[in-house]
Amino acid sequence: MILALKLGVIAIYVAALAGAAGLLPAGIGAAAQALALGILFLHVLELLFAFQHVRRYRGPLAMSVLLTILFGVLHWKPLAAARPAQ
């Protein structure tokens, strides 16, 4: 389920880039860009509120921050639900 949602978010980002490159009709491209910017903005806000969970990522913190900005709750919620390492 999470993978399908992540693929949906990626599709929105790809549509926004295609719209910016002029590969989509103006109205659709503009809507995709507005949606992608809104999603990115909300994910940056999520990063501020869920940073304690973002830090639990086993890889580099910078990668976890990037994944949170791209995918938001789809990235940090599984980290929050995981049992902390003991």
N, C-alpha and C. Protein backbone atom coordinates (compact mmCIF):
# COMPACT_ATOMS: atom_id res chain seq x y z
N MET A 1 0.83 -1.20 0.00
CA MET A 1 0.00 0.00 0.00
C MET A 1 0.87 1.25 0.00
N ILE A 2 1.88 1.27 0.87
CA ILE A 2 2.75 2.45 0.93
C ILE A 2 3.50 2.63 -0.38
N LEU A 3 3.94 1.53 -0.98
CA LEU A 3 4.64 1.62 -2.27
C LEU A 3 3.74 2.23 -3.33
N ALA A 4 2.49 1.83 -3.37
CA ALA A 4 1.55 2.38 -4.36
C ALA A 4 1.36 3.88 -4.14
N LEU A 5 1.27 4.30 -2.89
CA LEU A 5 1.11 5.72 -2.61
C LEU A 5 2.36 6.51 -2.98
N LYS A 6 3.54 5.92 -2.70
CA LYS A 6 4.79 6.58 -3.09
C LYS A 6 4.88 6.72 -4.61
N LEU A 7 4.46 5.69 -5.33
CA LEU A 7 4.47 5.77 -6.79
C LEU A 7 3.50 6.86 -7.27
N GLY A 8 2.38 7.03 -6.58
CA GLY A 8 1.45 8.10 -6.92
C GLY A 8 2.06 9.48 -6.72
N VAL A 9 2.78 9.64 -5.64
CA VAL A 9 3.45 10.92 -5.38
C VAL A 9 4.51 11.18 -6.45
N ILE A 10 5.27 10.14 -6.79
CA ILE A 10 6.28 10.29 -7.85
C ILE A 10 5.61 10.68 -9.16
N ALA A 11 4.46 10.09 -9.46
CA ALA A 11 3.74 10.43 -10.69
C ALA A 11 3.34 11.90 -10.70
N ILE A 12 2.96 12.43 -9.57
CA ILE A 12 2.62 13.86 -9.49
C ILE A 12 3.85 14.71 -9.77
N TYR A 13 4.99 14.33 -9.18
CA TYR A 13 6.22 15.08 -9.42
C TYR A 13 6.64 15.01 -10.89
N VAL A 14 6.51 13.83 -11.50
CA VAL A 14 6.86 13.67 -12.91
C VAL A 14 5.93 14.51 -13.78
N ALA A 15 4.65 14.53 -13.46
CA ALA A 15 3.70 15.35 -14.22
C ALA A 15 4.03 16.84 -14.07
N ALA A 16 4.44 17.25 -12.88
CA ALA A 16 4.82 18.65 -12.68
C ALA A 16 6.05 19.00 -13.51
N LEU A 17 7.03 18.11 -13.54
CA LEU A 17 8.22 18.36 -14.35
C LEU A 17 7.87 18.37 -15.84
N ALA A 18 7.01 17.46 -16.26
CA ALA A 18 6.58 17.43 -17.66
C ALA A 18 5.83 18.71 -18.01
N GLY A 19 5.02 19.20 -17.09
CA GLY A 19 4.31 20.46 -17.33
C GLY A 19 5.27 21.64 -17.42
N ALA A 20 6.29 21.63 -16.57
CA ALA A 20 7.29 22.71 -16.61
C ALA A 20 8.09 22.67 -17.90
N ALA A 21 8.27 21.48 -18.46
CA ALA A 21 9.01 21.33 -19.71
C ALA A 21 8.13 21.58 -20.93
N GLY A 22 6.84 21.85 -20.71
CA GLY A 22 5.93 22.12 -21.81
C GLY A 22 5.42 20.88 -22.51
N LEU A 23 5.53 19.73 -21.86
CA LEU A 23 5.09 18.48 -22.47
C LEU A 23 3.63 18.16 -22.20
N LEU A 24 2.97 18.96 -21.38
CA LEU A 24 1.55 18.77 -21.07
C LEU A 24 0.80 20.04 -21.46
N PRO A 25 -0.50 19.93 -21.71
CA PRO A 25 -1.29 21.15 -21.96
C PRO A 25 -1.15 22.11 -20.77
N ALA A 26 -1.23 23.39 -21.06
CA ALA A 26 -0.94 24.42 -20.06
C ALA A 26 -1.76 24.25 -18.78
N GLY A 27 -3.03 24.00 -18.89
CA GLY A 27 -3.87 23.87 -17.70
C GLY A 27 -3.50 22.68 -16.84
N ILE A 28 -3.25 21.56 -17.49
CA ILE A 28 -2.88 20.35 -16.76
C ILE A 28 -1.49 20.50 -16.14
N GLY A 29 -0.57 21.05 -16.90
CA GLY A 29 0.79 21.27 -16.39
C GLY A 29 0.80 22.21 -15.19
N ALA A 30 0.03 23.29 -15.28
CA ALA A 30 -0.03 24.24 -14.18
C ALA A 30 -0.66 23.61 -12.94
N ALA A 31 -1.69 22.81 -13.14
CA ALA A 31 -2.33 22.14 -12.00
C ALA A 31 -1.38 21.14 -11.35
N ALA A 32 -0.64 20.39 -12.17
CA ALA A 32 0.32 19.43 -11.63
C ALA A 32 1.42 20.14 -10.85
N GLN A 33 1.88 21.26 -11.37
CA GLN A 33 2.92 22.02 -10.68
C GLN A 33 2.41 22.58 -9.36
N ALA A 34 1.20 23.12 -9.36
CA ALA A 34 0.63 23.65 -8.13
C ALA A 34 0.44 22.54 -7.09
N LEU A 35 -0.03 21.38 -7.53
CA LEU A 35 -0.21 20.26 -6.62
C LEU A 35 1.12 19.79 -6.06
N ALA A 36 2.13 19.67 -6.91
CA ALA A 36 3.45 19.23 -6.46
C ALA A 36 4.05 20.23 -5.47
N LEU A 37 3.92 21.51 -5.74
CA LEU A 37 4.45 22.52 -4.81
C LEU A 37 3.71 22.49 -3.48
N GLY A 38 2.41 22.28 -3.53
CA GLY A 38 1.63 22.17 -2.29
C GLY A 38 2.06 20.96 -1.47
N ILE A 39 2.26 19.83 -2.15
CA ILE A 39 2.72 18.63 -1.46
C ILE A 39 4.08 18.85 -0.83
N LEU A 40 5.00 19.43 -1.59
CA LEU A 40 6.35 19.69 -1.05
C LEU A 40 6.28 20.62 0.16
N PHE A 41 5.45 21.65 0.09
CA PHE A 41 5.31 22.58 1.21
C PHE A 41 4.79 21.87 2.45
N LEU A 42 3.77 21.04 2.28
CA LEU A 42 3.23 20.30 3.42
C LEU A 42 4.25 19.32 4.00
N HIS A 43 5.04 18.72 3.14
CA HIS A 43 6.05 17.78 3.62
C HIS A 43 7.17 18.47 4.39
N VAL A 44 7.49 19.69 3.99
CA VAL A 44 8.49 20.46 4.76
C VAL A 44 7.92 20.77 6.15
N LEU A 45 6.64 21.10 6.22
CA LEU A 45 6.02 21.32 7.53
C LEU A 45 6.02 20.03 8.35
N GLU A 46 5.73 18.91 7.70
CA GLU A 46 5.78 17.62 8.39
C GLU A 46 7.16 17.36 8.97
N LEU A 47 8.17 17.70 8.21
CA LEU A 47 9.55 17.50 8.66
C LEU A 47 9.78 18.21 9.99
N LEU A 48 9.27 19.41 10.12
CA LEU A 48 9.45 20.17 11.36
C LEU A 48 8.76 19.49 12.54
N PHE A 49 7.59 18.91 12.30
CA PHE A 49 6.82 18.32 13.39
C PHE A 49 7.17 16.86 13.67
N ALA A 50 7.76 16.17 12.72
CA ALA A 50 8.04 14.75 12.89
C ALA A 50 9.55 14.46 12.90
N PHE A 51 10.35 15.46 13.18
CA PHE A 51 11.80 15.28 13.09
C PHE A 51 12.32 14.19 14.01
N GLN A 52 11.69 14.01 15.18
CA GLN A 52 12.16 12.96 16.09
C GLN A 52 12.01 11.59 15.46
N HIS A 53 11.04 11.40 14.60
CA HIS A 53 10.87 10.13 13.89
C HIS A 53 11.80 10.05 12.68
N VAL A 54 11.99 11.16 12.02
CA VAL A 54 12.87 11.21 10.85
C VAL A 54 14.29 10.81 11.25
N ARG A 55 14.69 11.16 12.45
CA ARG A 55 16.04 10.84 12.94
C ARG A 55 16.24 9.35 13.16
N ARG A 56 15.18 8.57 13.21
CA ARG A 56 15.28 7.13 13.48
C ARG A 56 15.70 6.33 12.25
N TYR A 57 15.77 6.96 11.10
CA TYR A 57 16.17 6.29 9.87
C TYR A 57 17.59 5.72 10.04
N ARG A 58 17.81 4.51 9.56
CA ARG A 58 19.11 3.85 9.75
C ARG A 58 20.20 4.42 8.85
N GLY A 59 19.83 5.09 7.79
CA GLY A 59 20.81 5.67 6.88
C GLY A 59 21.17 7.09 7.30
N PRO A 60 21.81 7.81 6.40
CA PRO A 60 22.20 9.20 6.70
C PRO A 60 20.97 10.09 6.96
N LEU A 61 21.13 11.00 7.90
CA LEU A 61 20.04 11.92 8.24
C LEU A 61 19.61 12.74 7.02
N ALA A 62 20.57 13.15 6.20
CA ALA A 62 20.24 13.95 5.02
C ALA A 62 19.31 13.16 4.08
N MET A 63 19.53 11.87 3.96
CA MET A 63 18.67 11.05 3.10
C MET A 63 17.27 10.95 3.69
N SER A 64 17.18 10.81 5.01
CA SER A 64 15.88 10.74 5.65
C SER A 64 15.12 12.06 5.50
N VAL A 65 15.82 13.16 5.59
CA VAL A 65 15.20 14.48 5.39
C VAL A 65 14.68 14.58 3.95
N LEU A 66 15.49 14.17 2.99
CA LEU A 66 15.07 14.22 1.58
C LEU A 66 13.85 13.33 1.35
N LEU A 67 13.88 12.13 1.89
CA LEU A 67 12.74 11.21 1.72
C LEU A 67 11.48 11.77 2.38
N THR A 68 11.63 12.45 3.50
CA THR A 68 10.48 13.06 4.16
C THR A 68 9.93 14.22 3.32
N ILE A 69 10.81 15.01 2.74
CA ILE A 69 10.35 16.12 1.89
C ILE A 69 9.63 15.58 0.66
N LEU A 70 10.10 14.47 0.13
CA LEU A 70 9.46 13.89 -1.05
C LEU A 70 8.18 13.13 -0.73
N PHE A 71 8.20 12.33 0.35
CA PHE A 71 7.08 11.42 0.62
C PHE A 71 6.31 11.71 1.90
N GLY A 72 6.81 12.57 2.76
CA GLY A 72 6.09 12.95 3.97
C GLY A 72 5.81 11.78 4.89
N VAL A 73 4.57 11.66 5.29
CA VAL A 73 4.14 10.65 6.25
C VAL A 73 4.43 9.24 5.75
N LEU A 74 4.49 9.05 4.45
CA LEU A 74 4.79 7.73 3.91
C LEU A 74 6.20 7.28 4.27
N HIS A 75 7.08 8.23 4.56
CA HIS A 75 8.44 7.88 4.99
C HIS A 75 8.56 7.78 6.50
N TRP A 76 8.08 8.80 7.22
CA TRP A 76 8.39 8.83 8.65
C TRP A 76 7.43 8.02 9.51
N LYS A 77 6.21 7.76 9.06
CA LYS A 77 5.26 7.00 9.88
C LYS A 77 5.75 5.58 10.17
N PRO A 78 6.27 4.85 9.17
CA PRO A 78 6.83 3.53 9.50
C PRO A 78 8.01 3.61 10.48
N LEU A 79 8.77 4.68 10.42
CA LEU A 79 9.88 4.86 11.37
C LEU A 79 9.32 5.08 12.78
N ALA A 80 8.24 5.82 12.88
CA ALA A 80 7.62 6.08 14.17
C ALA A 80 7.01 4.82 14.75
N ALA A 81 6.49 3.95 13.88
CA ALA A 81 5.82 2.74 14.36
C ALA A 81 6.81 1.63 14.74
N ALA A 82 8.03 1.71 14.21
CA ALA A 82 9.03 0.68 14.49
C ALA A 82 9.49 0.76 15.95
N ARG A 83 9.82 -0.40 16.48
CA ARG A 83 10.34 -0.42 17.84
C ARG A 83 11.74 0.18 17.85
N PRO A 84 12.05 1.00 18.84
CA PRO A 84 13.40 1.58 18.90
C PRO A 84 14.44 0.50 19.17
N ALA A 85 15.62 0.69 18.59
CA ALA A 85 16.73 -0.25 18.81
C ALA A 85 17.16 -0.19 20.27
N GLN A 86 17.46 -1.36 20.82
CA GLN A 86 17.85 -1.39 22.23
C GLN A 86 19.26 -1.86 22.40
